[in-house]
């Protein structure tokens, strides 16, 4: 994984010192809250319902064990003993005291971490495929490009005050594990018919109150021109984005208003000018970055078989493992979704255990997924049973990846000042209703996602089943959506009709899944059956009178 050079470290250390002074002035009263707000947001510090929340950047979801141990230590010393992994591959602490924030940032800086650009109208944390560098289906490891984008976007003088926040995802496999087309810019690294490496560029995706799927604006840009092309995309947005209306300020609205063809024409014209600036790095610089992502020293003759005699272990293998590019190895996902648990939460003790496992069994490397789980990307198949036993002893061996129990949920009204409804208790109720592992496996792949407000931090638009919490005359109400997907078969869910109370929406989900079981054809996932049947049969059972 990438290691800071002297410039990275100097930037982060200087930001810590600067913010320490700002916090001291706020605590002394020299700065008002209105004056302090933009300063704290630049450092990922939000003021939520009950306390400050700090959002820590985890670039393209990659961590090592030392970093995870520091995150655990911060959770124990400065929070309430846990952290919350988010749909942006970040980690949030929900109970931070303002006086402690500079010390936390200083602790993060010691292990090459920070909270810069995790808020504000700038380019946010670059996200990527959590299996990058390990997946059997990828064209190349996308993380060197994600790191290059991180360096390009950090404190970019033109893009520090964009019309609105900006999110970029980069993948390099035909299977989209990063919801790439639901980002402001999505990048898929590909090879053309001549074997040349380049990228497909998608622009204008996003969720929130106006969900949209990104448009393909270029089917191939040479990889040596990638930064210049992205610079052109951002310049056009920065020039024409709606700064007069916060609800129309995202790039997706710009493309909707002027049309993708007009946007593409503007970008191509800008691209010709930008290319003259020499923004793209020389090959030697890219190679320097890429060297940090070289394959670890895999065992060439690692056994490629697994003893499946323990039935509980065999279930975990079937559900939570992915194919690795190296024979004898596997990618193991650690579910942070125990039955009745809080999606994405991990205690300090659990983080420390996972750090130990990564150090011992996965070349000291971990990943955070946009589905709020953790990944050990390089585990020898011969070591999987020992890994599973350790996880099982810590309550981390739930075999539910991509099943209905693998719920994505935002913090909701329990924490967030923007939320209209609680997400966590609802997720727990659904998880308990469908806790039976056999029932979950019978339903198969079924991605359920919950947001506590229209901002869609829980990605409800992209759920096979999505739930949106709304305020209905002072009462929490939940709208049910069906048919969304954030994967390569990307689609936006549709609202079924009137909303429900908390118990009512759980019952509605049960009726929906019962219909799916009754009407599915062999090999169909829930979303496949929905697409074949359409909304009406599901609405009939959801709103049927008793």
Protein backbone atom coordinates (compact mmCIF):
# COMPACT_ATOMS: atom_id res chain seq x y z
CA UNK A 1 0.00 0.00 0.00
CA UNK A 2 1.05 3.62 -0.49
CA UNK A 3 3.37 5.20 2.07
CA UNK A 4 3.62 8.94 2.71
CA UNK A 5 6.64 10.80 1.43
CA UNK A 6 7.99 13.90 3.20
CA UNK A 7 5.50 16.13 1.38
CA UNK A 8 2.45 14.08 2.42
CA UNK A 9 3.57 14.00 6.02
CA UNK A 10 4.42 17.70 6.09
CA UNK A 11 0.98 18.61 4.72
CA UNK A 12 -0.86 16.50 7.30
CA UNK A 13 1.28 17.67 10.22
CA UNK A 14 0.82 21.31 9.21
CA UNK A 15 -2.95 20.83 9.01
CA UNK A 16 -3.01 19.35 12.54
CA UNK A 17 -1.10 22.32 13.96
CA UNK A 18 -3.34 24.77 12.11
CA UNK A 19 -6.51 23.10 13.36
CA UNK A 20 -5.21 22.93 16.93
CA UNK A 21 -4.91 26.73 16.88
CA UNK A 22 -8.40 27.07 15.40
CA UNK A 23 -9.93 24.85 18.09
CA UNK A 24 -8.18 26.79 20.87
CA UNK A 25 -9.61 30.02 19.48
CA UNK A 26 -13.10 28.48 19.27
CA UNK A 27 -12.93 27.21 22.86
CA UNK A 28 -11.72 30.62 24.10
CA UNK A 29 -14.56 32.39 22.32
CA UNK A 30 -12.29 34.20 19.87
CA UNK A 31 -14.12 32.40 17.04
CA UNK A 32 -17.90 32.12 16.84
CA UNK A 33 -19.55 28.90 15.69
CA UNK A 34 -20.37 30.52 12.35
CA UNK A 35 -16.71 31.46 11.90
CA UNK A 36 -15.51 28.05 13.07
CA UNK A 37 -17.91 25.89 11.04
CA UNK A 38 -16.12 26.08 7.66
CA UNK A 39 -12.79 25.46 9.41
CA UNK A 40 -13.95 22.33 11.21
CA UNK A 41 -15.69 20.98 8.12
CA UNK A 42 -12.42 21.25 6.20
CA UNK A 43 -11.10 18.79 8.79
CA UNK A 44 -14.00 16.37 8.68
CA UNK A 45 -15.56 17.52 11.97
CA UNK A 46 -19.36 17.76 12.03
CA UNK A 47 -21.64 18.96 14.81
CA UNK A 48 -24.40 16.36 15.03
CA UNK A 49 -27.39 15.85 17.32
CA UNK A 50 -25.54 14.94 20.50
CA UNK A 51 -21.84 15.55 19.92
CA UNK A 52 -19.20 16.22 17.31
CA UNK A 53 -18.68 13.55 14.66
CA UNK A 54 -15.25 13.06 13.08
CA UNK A 55 -15.01 11.43 9.65
CA UNK A 56 -11.63 9.81 8.99
CA UNK A 57 -10.51 9.30 5.40
CA UNK A 58 -9.54 5.79 4.30
CA UNK A 59 -8.33 6.40 0.72
CA UNK A 60 -9.73 3.80 -1.69
CA UNK A 61 -10.58 1.69 1.37
CA UNK A 62 -7.04 0.44 2.07
CA UNK A 63 -5.65 0.08 5.61
CA UNK A 64 -2.82 -1.69 7.38
CA UNK A 65 -2.87 -3.21 10.85
CA UNK A 66 -1.06 -0.29 12.53
CA UNK A 67 -3.66 2.12 11.19
CA UNK A 68 -6.57 -0.04 12.31
CA UNK A 69 -5.04 -0.37 15.78
CA UNK A 70 -4.82 3.42 16.05
CA UNK A 71 -8.45 3.69 14.96
CA UNK A 72 -9.32 1.22 17.71
CA UNK A 73 -7.29 3.14 20.27
CA UNK A 74 -9.01 6.41 19.33
CA UNK A 75 -12.39 4.71 19.68
CA UNK A 76 -11.48 3.54 23.17
CA UNK A 77 -9.83 6.76 24.40
CA UNK A 78 -11.94 9.46 22.76
CA UNK A 79 -15.25 7.87 21.77
CA UNK A 80 -17.45 5.19 23.34
CA UNK A 81 -15.38 2.19 22.34
CA UNK A 82 -16.43 1.73 18.72
CA UNK A 83 -16.24 3.22 15.25
CA UNK A 84 -18.68 3.24 12.35
CA UNK A 85 -17.53 2.25 8.85
CA UNK A 86 -19.43 4.15 6.17
CA UNK A 87 -20.61 3.76 2.60
CA UNK A 88 -17.74 6.01 1.48
CA UNK A 89 -15.08 3.58 2.80
CA UNK A 90 -14.43 5.99 5.69
CA UNK A 91 -14.73 5.63 9.46
CA UNK A 92 -16.77 7.90 11.71
CA UNK A 93 -16.60 8.58 15.43
CA UNK A 94 -19.92 9.82 16.74
CA UNK A 95 -19.07 11.04 20.27
CA UNK A 96 -16.08 13.35 19.90
CA UNK A 97 -15.39 16.28 22.24
CA UNK A 98 -14.13 19.38 20.48
CA UNK A 99 -11.16 19.76 22.82
CA UNK A 100 -9.92 16.30 21.80
CA UNK A 101 -10.22 16.71 18.03
CA UNK A 102 -6.67 18.08 17.45
CA UNK A 103 -5.15 15.26 19.53
CA UNK A 104 -7.10 12.70 17.51
CA UNK A 105 -5.85 14.20 14.25
CA UNK A 106 -2.31 14.14 15.62
CA UNK A 107 -2.68 10.43 16.47
CA UNK A 108 -3.96 9.77 12.95
CA UNK A 109 -1.05 11.68 11.41
CA UNK A 110 1.42 9.35 13.13
CA UNK A 111 0.10 6.47 11.00
CA UNK A 112 -0.37 8.43 7.76
CA UNK A 113 -4.08 9.15 8.17
CA UNK A 114 -6.19 12.30 8.30
CA UNK A 115 -9.69 13.72 7.92
CA UNK A 116 -8.91 16.24 5.16
CA UNK A 117 -11.59 16.65 2.46
CA UNK A 118 -14.04 14.28 4.14
CA UNK A 119 -16.43 17.22 4.10
CA UNK A 120 -16.98 20.42 2.16
CA UNK A 121 -17.57 21.30 -1.48
CA UNK A 122 -14.42 19.61 -2.71
CA UNK A 123 -13.32 16.27 -4.12
CA UNK A 124 -14.01 13.79 -1.35
CA UNK A 125 -12.31 10.51 -0.49
CA UNK A 126 -11.54 8.55 -3.70
CA UNK A 127 -13.34 5.21 -3.49
CA UNK A 128 -12.52 1.97 -5.26
CA UNK A 129 -13.12 -1.76 -5.52
CA UNK A 130 -12.47 -3.38 -2.14
CA UNK A 131 -10.97 -6.40 -3.95
CA UNK A 132 -8.52 -4.27 -5.95
CA UNK A 133 -5.14 -5.91 -6.43
CA UNK A 134 -6.54 -9.30 -5.48
CA UNK A 135 -9.59 -9.94 -7.67
CA UNK A 136 -9.38 -12.61 -10.33
CA UNK A 137 -11.49 -10.59 -12.77
CA UNK A 138 -9.68 -7.24 -12.83
CA UNK A 139 -7.79 -5.77 -15.81
CA UNK A 140 -5.23 -4.17 -13.51
CA UNK A 141 -4.99 -2.95 -9.94
CA UNK A 142 -6.92 0.37 -9.91
CA UNK A 143 -5.36 1.61 -6.66
CA UNK A 144 -2.29 3.27 -8.21
CA UNK A 145 -4.71 5.39 -10.24
CA UNK A 146 -6.84 6.04 -7.16
CA UNK A 147 -3.70 7.18 -5.32
CA UNK A 148 -2.73 9.42 -8.20
CA UNK A 149 -6.22 10.94 -8.07
CA UNK A 150 -5.86 11.43 -4.32
CA UNK A 151 -2.65 13.37 -4.80
CA UNK A 152 -4.10 15.38 -7.69
CA UNK A 153 -7.28 16.29 -5.82
CA UNK A 154 -5.86 17.09 -2.37
CA UNK A 155 -5.91 20.88 -1.92
CA UNK A 156 -6.39 21.32 -5.69
CA UNK A 157 -6.51 25.13 -5.97
CA UNK A 158 -9.30 25.18 -8.57
CA UNK A 159 -11.46 22.51 -6.97
CA UNK A 160 -11.38 23.37 -3.26
CA UNK A 161 -14.63 25.34 -3.53
CA UNK A 162 -16.75 23.53 -6.09
CA UNK A 163 -20.46 24.23 -6.47
CA UNK A 164 -21.10 21.10 -4.36
CA UNK A 165 -19.32 18.08 -2.91
CA UNK A 166 -17.78 15.75 -5.49
CA UNK A 167 -17.28 11.99 -5.39
CA UNK A 168 -15.09 9.84 -7.65
CA UNK A 169 -14.83 6.05 -7.88
CA UNK A 170 -12.32 4.04 -9.89
CA UNK A 171 -12.59 0.34 -10.72
CA UNK A 172 -10.81 -2.02 -13.13
CA UNK A 173 -13.12 -5.01 -13.43
CA UNK A 174 -16.32 -5.71 -15.36
CA UNK A 175 -18.04 -6.47 -12.04
CA UNK A 176 -18.75 -3.18 -10.30
CA UNK A 177 -18.21 -3.58 -6.57
CA UNK A 178 -17.97 0.18 -5.88
CA UNK A 179 -21.30 1.55 -7.23
CA UNK A 180 -19.17 3.38 -9.77
CA UNK A 181 -22.04 4.75 -11.89
CA UNK A 182 -23.67 6.35 -8.87
CA UNK A 183 -20.74 8.75 -8.41
CA UNK A 184 -20.20 12.24 -9.79
CA UNK A 185 -17.43 10.68 -11.89
CA UNK A 186 -17.00 6.96 -12.34
CA UNK A 187 -13.87 5.54 -13.94
CA UNK A 188 -13.53 2.01 -15.29
CA UNK A 189 -10.01 1.11 -16.38
CA UNK A 190 -10.18 -1.08 -19.48
CA UNK A 191 -8.16 -2.34 -22.42
CA UNK A 192 -9.23 -1.63 -25.99
CA UNK A 193 -9.13 -4.04 -28.92
CA UNK A 194 -5.43 -3.27 -29.45
CA UNK A 195 -4.60 -4.10 -25.84
CA UNK A 196 -3.99 -0.48 -24.88
CA UNK A 197 -4.94 0.54 -21.37
CA UNK A 198 -7.37 3.39 -20.94
CA UNK A 199 -10.56 4.32 -19.13
CA UNK A 200 -14.28 4.61 -19.68
CA UNK A 201 -15.50 7.84 -18.09
CA UNK A 202 -18.98 8.16 -16.59
CA UNK A 203 -20.23 11.53 -15.31
CA UNK A 204 -23.32 12.72 -13.48
CA UNK A 205 -24.30 9.90 -11.16
CA UNK A 206 -25.46 10.28 -7.60
CA UNK A 207 -28.22 9.63 -5.13
CA UNK A 208 -29.78 12.15 -2.74
CA UNK A 209 -33.08 13.85 -3.47
CA UNK A 210 -32.56 13.57 -7.25
CA UNK A 211 -30.98 10.17 -7.96
CA UNK A 212 -29.36 9.72 -11.37
CA UNK A 213 -27.19 7.14 -13.10
CA UNK A 214 -23.99 8.51 -14.62
CA UNK A 215 -23.75 8.95 -18.39
CA UNK A 216 -20.85 7.55 -20.35
CA UNK A 217 -19.13 10.65 -21.74
CA UNK A 218 -16.06 8.87 -23.16
CA UNK A 219 -15.82 5.19 -24.06
CA UNK A 220 -12.02 5.34 -24.04
CA UNK A 221 -9.46 7.89 -22.95
CA UNK A 222 -5.83 6.84 -23.09
CA UNK A 223 -4.50 6.13 -19.62
CA UNK A 224 -1.69 8.67 -20.10
CA UNK A 225 -4.33 11.39 -20.55
CA UNK A 226 -6.58 10.41 -17.65
CA UNK A 227 -5.73 13.28 -15.31
CA UNK A 228 -6.06 15.85 -18.08
CA UNK A 229 -9.47 14.49 -19.03
CA UNK A 230 -10.70 14.55 -15.43
CA UNK A 231 -9.36 18.07 -15.02
CA UNK A 232 -11.44 19.07 -18.05
CA UNK A 233 -14.54 17.39 -16.60
CA UNK A 234 -14.15 19.27 -13.31
CA UNK A 235 -13.37 22.60 -14.97
CA UNK A 236 -16.57 22.51 -17.00
CA UNK A 237 -18.56 21.70 -13.87
CA UNK A 238 -16.80 24.39 -11.86
CA UNK A 239 -17.60 26.93 -14.57
CA UNK A 240 -21.26 26.07 -15.18
CA UNK A 241 -22.43 24.35 -11.96
CA UNK A 242 -25.38 25.99 -10.18
CA UNK A 243 -23.97 27.88 -7.22
CA UNK A 244 -27.24 29.78 -6.83
CA UNK A 245 -29.26 26.76 -5.65
CA UNK A 246 -27.90 24.07 -3.34
CA UNK A 247 -30.48 21.59 -4.61
CA UNK A 248 -29.32 22.05 -8.20
CA UNK A 249 -25.59 22.33 -7.59
CA UNK A 250 -24.45 18.75 -8.25
CA UNK A 251 -22.89 17.85 -11.59
CA UNK A 252 -25.76 15.44 -12.30
CA UNK A 253 -28.11 18.45 -12.49
CA UNK A 254 -25.76 20.23 -14.89
CA UNK A 255 -25.80 17.26 -17.25
CA UNK A 256 -29.55 16.99 -16.91
CA UNK A 257 -30.07 20.66 -17.73
CA UNK A 258 -27.65 21.10 -20.63
CA UNK A 259 -27.66 17.50 -21.87
CA UNK A 260 -24.85 14.98 -21.99
CA UNK A 261 -23.90 15.88 -25.57
CA UNK A 262 -23.44 19.56 -24.75
CA UNK A 263 -21.45 18.68 -21.64
CA UNK A 264 -19.26 16.26 -23.62
CA UNK A 265 -18.61 18.93 -26.25
CA UNK A 266 -17.51 21.42 -23.57
CA UNK A 267 -15.24 18.80 -21.95
CA UNK A 268 -13.59 17.83 -25.23
CA UNK A 269 -12.84 21.47 -25.98
CA UNK A 270 -11.42 21.99 -22.49
CA UNK A 271 -9.45 18.74 -22.75
CA UNK A 272 -7.53 20.01 -25.78
CA UNK A 273 -6.45 23.05 -23.76
CA UNK A 274 -5.66 21.15 -20.57
CA UNK A 275 -3.46 18.64 -22.38
CA UNK A 276 -1.04 21.46 -23.13
CA UNK A 277 -0.47 22.03 -19.40
CA UNK A 278 1.41 18.79 -18.81
CA UNK A 279 -0.70 17.69 -15.84
CA UNK A 280 -0.36 13.97 -16.45
CA UNK A 281 2.61 12.48 -14.60
CA UNK A 282 5.65 11.12 -16.40
CA UNK A 283 5.78 7.34 -16.53
CA UNK A 284 8.55 7.28 -13.94
CA UNK A 285 6.32 9.02 -11.39
CA UNK A 286 3.41 6.68 -12.02
CA UNK A 287 5.75 3.70 -11.76
CA UNK A 288 6.99 5.06 -8.43
CA UNK A 289 3.43 5.14 -7.11
CA UNK A 290 2.55 1.76 -8.63
CA UNK A 291 5.54 0.13 -6.92
CA UNK A 292 3.80 0.64 -3.57
CA UNK A 293 1.02 -1.63 -4.83
CA UNK A 294 3.20 -4.50 -6.05
CA UNK A 295 1.92 -7.96 -5.23
CA UNK A 296 2.96 -9.27 -1.83
CA UNK A 297 5.28 -12.31 -1.76
CA UNK A 298 2.68 -14.97 -2.44
CA UNK A 299 3.60 -18.57 -1.76
CA UNK A 300 3.88 -20.05 -5.25
CA UNK A 301 2.97 -23.59 -4.18
CA UNK A 302 0.26 -22.70 -1.65
CA UNK A 303 -2.30 -25.53 -1.41
CA UNK A 304 -5.40 -24.79 -3.45
CA UNK A 305 -7.79 -27.00 -1.49
CA UNK A 306 -9.72 -26.35 1.72
CA UNK A 307 -10.92 -28.82 4.35
CA UNK A 308 -14.68 -28.20 4.48
CA UNK A 309 -15.53 -30.80 7.11
CA UNK A 310 -16.77 -28.20 9.62
CA UNK A 311 -20.26 -27.32 8.32
CA UNK A 312 -20.36 -23.83 9.88
CA UNK A 313 -16.99 -23.03 8.34
CA UNK A 314 -18.16 -24.38 4.98
CA UNK A 315 -21.16 -22.02 5.02
CA UNK A 316 -18.85 -19.06 5.69
CA UNK A 317 -16.60 -20.14 2.81
CA UNK A 318 -19.54 -20.35 0.43
CA UNK A 319 -20.89 -16.93 1.35
CA UNK A 320 -18.00 -14.68 2.33
CA UNK A 321 -15.15 -15.73 0.05
CA UNK A 322 -14.25 -14.35 -3.38
CA UNK A 323 -11.88 -15.71 -6.02
CA UNK A 324 -8.28 -14.51 -5.80
CA UNK A 325 -5.99 -14.04 -8.79
CA UNK A 326 -3.30 -16.14 -7.08
CA UNK A 327 -3.85 -19.91 -6.80
CA UNK A 328 -3.91 -21.05 -3.19
CA UNK A 329 -5.31 -17.73 -1.90
CA UNK A 330 -8.77 -16.26 -1.30
CA UNK A 331 -10.39 -12.91 -0.52
CA UNK A 332 -12.28 -13.07 2.78
CA UNK A 333 -14.98 -10.58 3.74
CA UNK A 334 -15.61 -9.96 7.43
CA UNK A 335 -19.25 -9.10 7.97
CA UNK A 336 -19.95 -6.25 10.38
CA UNK A 337 -23.65 -7.21 10.31
CA UNK A 338 -24.37 -9.71 13.11
CA UNK A 339 -28.03 -10.59 13.59
CA UNK A 340 -29.61 -7.71 15.49
CA UNK A 341 -26.43 -5.63 15.30
CA UNK A 342 -25.73 -2.10 14.08
CA UNK A 343 -24.56 -2.20 10.45
CA UNK A 344 -20.98 -1.01 10.02
CA UNK A 345 -20.10 -0.72 13.71
CA UNK A 346 -16.97 -2.38 15.11
CA UNK A 347 -15.74 -2.25 18.69
CA UNK A 348 -12.17 -1.35 19.55
CA UNK A 349 -11.56 -4.95 20.54
CA UNK A 350 -12.92 -6.25 17.25
CA UNK A 351 -10.77 -3.81 15.29
CA UNK A 352 -7.70 -4.94 17.18
CA UNK A 353 -8.47 -8.60 16.50
CA UNK A 354 -8.97 -7.91 12.80
CA UNK A 355 -5.70 -5.97 12.74
CA UNK A 356 -3.94 -8.99 14.26
CA UNK A 357 -5.47 -11.29 11.63
CA UNK A 358 -4.43 -8.97 8.81
CA UNK A 359 -0.88 -8.79 10.10
CA UNK A 360 -0.61 -12.56 10.51
CA UNK A 361 -2.61 -13.88 7.58
CA UNK A 362 -3.09 -11.14 4.94
CA UNK A 363 0.29 -9.47 4.41
CA UNK A 364 -0.68 -6.70 6.83
CA UNK A 365 -3.44 -5.42 4.57
CA UNK A 366 -7.15 -4.71 5.04
CA UNK A 367 -9.93 -3.14 3.01
CA UNK A 368 -13.12 -1.27 3.87
CA UNK A 369 -16.10 -1.90 1.59
CA UNK A 370 -18.80 0.55 0.56
CA UNK A 371 -21.22 -2.01 2.02
CA UNK A 372 -19.77 -1.31 5.50
CA UNK A 373 -17.78 -4.51 5.90
CA UNK A 374 -14.05 -5.28 6.13
CA UNK A 375 -11.91 -7.47 3.89
CA UNK A 376 -8.77 -9.55 4.29
CA UNK A 377 -7.64 -9.46 0.65
CA UNK A 378 -4.83 -12.05 0.57
CA UNK A 379 -5.45 -15.11 2.76
CA UNK A 380 -3.88 -18.48 2.07
CA UNK A 381 -6.59 -21.09 1.74
CA UNK A 382 -4.63 -23.18 4.25
CA UNK A 383 -5.10 -20.38 6.82
CA UNK A 384 -8.80 -19.77 6.33
CA UNK A 385 -9.96 -22.11 9.08
CA UNK A 386 -7.73 -20.41 11.67
CA UNK A 387 -9.01 -17.01 10.50
CA UNK A 388 -12.62 -18.16 10.71
CA UNK A 389 -12.16 -19.60 14.20
CA UNK A 390 -10.75 -16.30 15.46
CA UNK A 391 -13.59 -14.34 13.85
CA UNK A 392 -16.19 -16.73 15.19
CA UNK A 393 -14.88 -16.28 18.72
CA UNK A 394 -15.30 -12.50 18.37
CA UNK A 395 -18.79 -12.57 16.87
CA UNK A 396 -17.48 -11.64 13.41
CA UNK A 397 -18.12 -14.83 11.43
CA UNK A 398 -21.60 -14.04 10.15
CA UNK A 399 -21.99 -15.81 6.80
CA UNK A 400 -24.32 -13.26 5.23
CA UNK A 401 -22.41 -11.34 2.55
CA UNK A 402 -24.88 -9.96 -0.03
CA UNK A 403 -27.82 -11.62 1.74
CA UNK A 404 -30.76 -9.82 3.34
CA UNK A 405 -28.91 -9.72 6.67
CA UNK A 406 -26.03 -7.77 5.11
CA UNK A 407 -27.93 -4.49 5.53
CA UNK A 408 -26.46 -1.11 4.62
CA UNK A 409 -27.72 1.66 6.91
CA UNK A 410 -26.78 5.24 7.72
CA UNK A 411 -26.61 6.41 11.38
CA UNK A 412 -30.03 8.04 10.95
CA UNK A 413 -31.87 10.04 13.56
CA UNK A 414 -29.98 8.40 16.41
CA UNK A 415 -27.01 10.60 15.50
CA UNK A 416 -27.47 12.72 12.38
CA UNK A 417 -28.82 16.26 12.50
CA UNK A 418 -30.12 15.94 8.92
CA UNK A 419 -32.09 12.72 9.42
CA UNK A 420 -35.87 12.47 9.54
CA UNK A 421 -36.11 8.92 10.86
CA UNK A 422 -34.08 6.30 12.66
CA UNK A 423 -32.24 3.74 10.55
CA UNK A 424 -30.47 1.66 13.20
CA UNK A 425 -33.49 0.25 15.12
CA UNK A 426 -35.19 -0.57 11.83
CA UNK A 427 -32.11 -2.38 10.54
CA UNK A 428 -31.99 -4.36 13.77
CA UNK A 429 -35.65 -5.35 13.49
CA UNK A 430 -35.23 -6.52 9.90
CA UNK A 431 -32.05 -8.37 10.80
CA UNK A 432 -33.82 -10.17 13.64
CA UNK A 433 -36.87 -11.00 11.50
CA UNK A 434 -34.64 -12.63 8.88
CA UNK A 435 -31.98 -13.96 11.27
CA UNK A 436 -32.39 -17.62 10.30
CA UNK A 437 -29.30 -18.39 8.16
CA UNK A 438 -31.15 -20.99 6.11
CA UNK A 439 -33.89 -18.49 5.31
CA UNK A 440 -31.31 -15.93 4.21
CA UNK A 441 -29.55 -18.40 1.93
CA UNK A 442 -32.86 -19.51 0.46
CA UNK A 443 -33.64 -15.90 -0.48
CA UNK A 444 -30.19 -15.60 -2.08
CA UNK A 445 -28.58 -12.34 -3.13
CA UNK A 446 -30.79 -9.55 -1.81
CA UNK A 447 -29.27 -6.18 -1.07
CA UNK A 448 -31.28 -4.15 1.42
CA UNK A 449 -30.32 -0.52 2.09
CA UNK A 450 -31.74 2.03 4.53
CA UNK A 451 -31.43 5.83 4.60
CA UNK A 452 -32.78 8.03 7.37
CA UNK A 453 -33.33 10.98 5.04
CA UNK A 454 -33.37 12.04 1.40
CA UNK A 455 -29.60 12.60 1.37
CA UNK A 456 -29.31 8.84 0.83
CA UNK A 457 -26.15 8.05 2.82
CA UNK A 458 -27.58 4.53 3.12
CA UNK A 459 -27.83 4.21 -0.69
CA UNK A 460 -31.52 3.27 -0.55
CA UNK A 461 -32.00 4.11 -4.24
CA UNK A 462 -29.52 1.34 -5.10
CA UNK A 463 -31.05 -1.39 -2.94
CA UNK A 464 -32.81 -4.40 -4.40
CA UNK A 465 -35.04 -3.38 -1.51
CA UNK A 466 -34.55 0.19 -0.35
CA UNK A 467 -36.05 2.05 2.59
CA UNK A 468 -36.23 5.83 2.96
CA UNK A 469 -37.13 7.37 6.31
CA UNK A 470 -39.25 10.52 6.08
CA UNK A 471 -41.00 12.87 8.50
CA UNK A 472 -44.76 12.56 8.14
CA UNK A 473 -46.32 15.31 10.24
CA UNK A 474 -43.86 14.74 13.05
CA UNK A 475 -43.96 10.94 12.85
CA UNK A 476 -41.27 8.69 11.46
CA UNK A 477 -42.47 7.05 8.26
CA UNK A 478 -40.73 4.65 5.92
CA UNK A 479 -41.09 4.49 2.15
CA UNK A 480 -40.34 1.17 0.49
CA UNK A 481 -38.47 1.04 -2.84
CA UNK A 482 -37.87 -1.96 -5.10
CA UNK A 483 -35.58 -2.74 -8.00
CA UNK A 484 -32.43 -0.72 -7.39
CA UNK A 485 -28.86 -1.84 -7.96
CA UNK A 486 -25.44 -0.25 -7.55
CA UNK A 487 -23.64 -2.98 -9.46
CA UNK A 488 -22.83 -3.32 -13.16
CA UNK A 489 -26.59 -3.81 -13.76
CA UNK A 490 -27.14 -0.39 -12.21
CA UNK A 491 -30.73 0.78 -11.72
CA UNK A 492 -32.71 3.07 -9.41
CA UNK A 493 -35.37 1.72 -7.11
CA UNK A 494 -38.99 2.81 -7.44
CA UNK A 495 -41.23 3.79 -4.53
CA UNK A 496 -43.99 1.23 -4.05
CA UNK A 497 -46.57 3.64 -2.64
CA UNK A 498 -47.61 5.01 0.75
CA UNK A 499 -45.13 4.58 3.59
CA UNK A 500 -45.27 2.55 6.79
CA UNK A 501 -44.38 2.78 10.42
CA UNK A 502 -41.36 0.82 11.65
CA UNK A 503 -43.16 -2.48 12.22
CA UNK A 504 -45.27 -2.05 9.10
CA UNK A 505 -42.29 -1.78 6.77
CA UNK A 506 -40.73 -4.94 8.25
CA UNK A 507 -44.01 -6.78 7.56
CA UNK A 508 -44.09 -5.34 4.04
CA UNK A 509 -40.58 -6.64 3.34
CA UNK A 510 -41.68 -10.10 4.48
CA UNK A 511 -44.64 -10.02 2.08
CA UNK A 512 -42.36 -8.90 -0.75
CA UNK A 513 -39.86 -11.71 -0.14
CA UNK A 514 -42.66 -14.28 0.17
CA UNK A 515 -43.97 -13.25 -3.26
CA UNK A 516 -40.47 -13.47 -4.69
CA UNK A 517 -40.08 -17.03 -3.38
CA UNK A 518 -43.43 -18.01 -4.85
CA UNK A 519 -42.83 -16.48 -8.29
CA UNK A 520 -39.07 -16.78 -8.91
CA UNK A 521 -37.69 -18.87 -11.71
CA UNK A 522 -34.58 -21.07 -11.35
CA UNK A 523 -31.43 -18.99 -10.87
CA UNK A 524 -33.25 -15.69 -10.41
CA UNK A 525 -32.18 -13.22 -7.76
CA UNK A 526 -34.81 -11.05 -6.11
CA UNK A 527 -34.00 -8.12 -8.41
CA UNK A 528 -34.27 -10.37 -11.48
CA UNK A 529 -37.74 -11.54 -10.49
CA UNK A 530 -38.81 -7.96 -9.79
CA UNK A 531 -37.61 -6.83 -13.21
CA UNK A 532 -39.43 -9.67 -14.92
CA UNK A 533 -42.72 -9.25 -13.07
CA UNK A 534 -42.74 -5.48 -12.67
CA UNK A 535 -44.01 -3.48 -9.72
CA UNK A 536 -47.73 -4.35 -9.75
CA UNK A 537 -47.66 -7.87 -8.27
CA UNK A 538 -45.49 -6.62 -5.43
CA UNK A 539 -47.74 -3.64 -4.76
CA UNK A 540 -50.73 -5.95 -4.61
CA UNK A 541 -49.25 -8.05 -1.82
CA UNK A 542 -47.72 -5.07 0.00
CA UNK A 543 -50.98 -3.15 0.26
CA UNK A 544 -53.44 -6.08 0.32
CA UNK A 545 -56.19 -5.65 2.89
CA UNK A 546 -56.14 -8.31 5.61
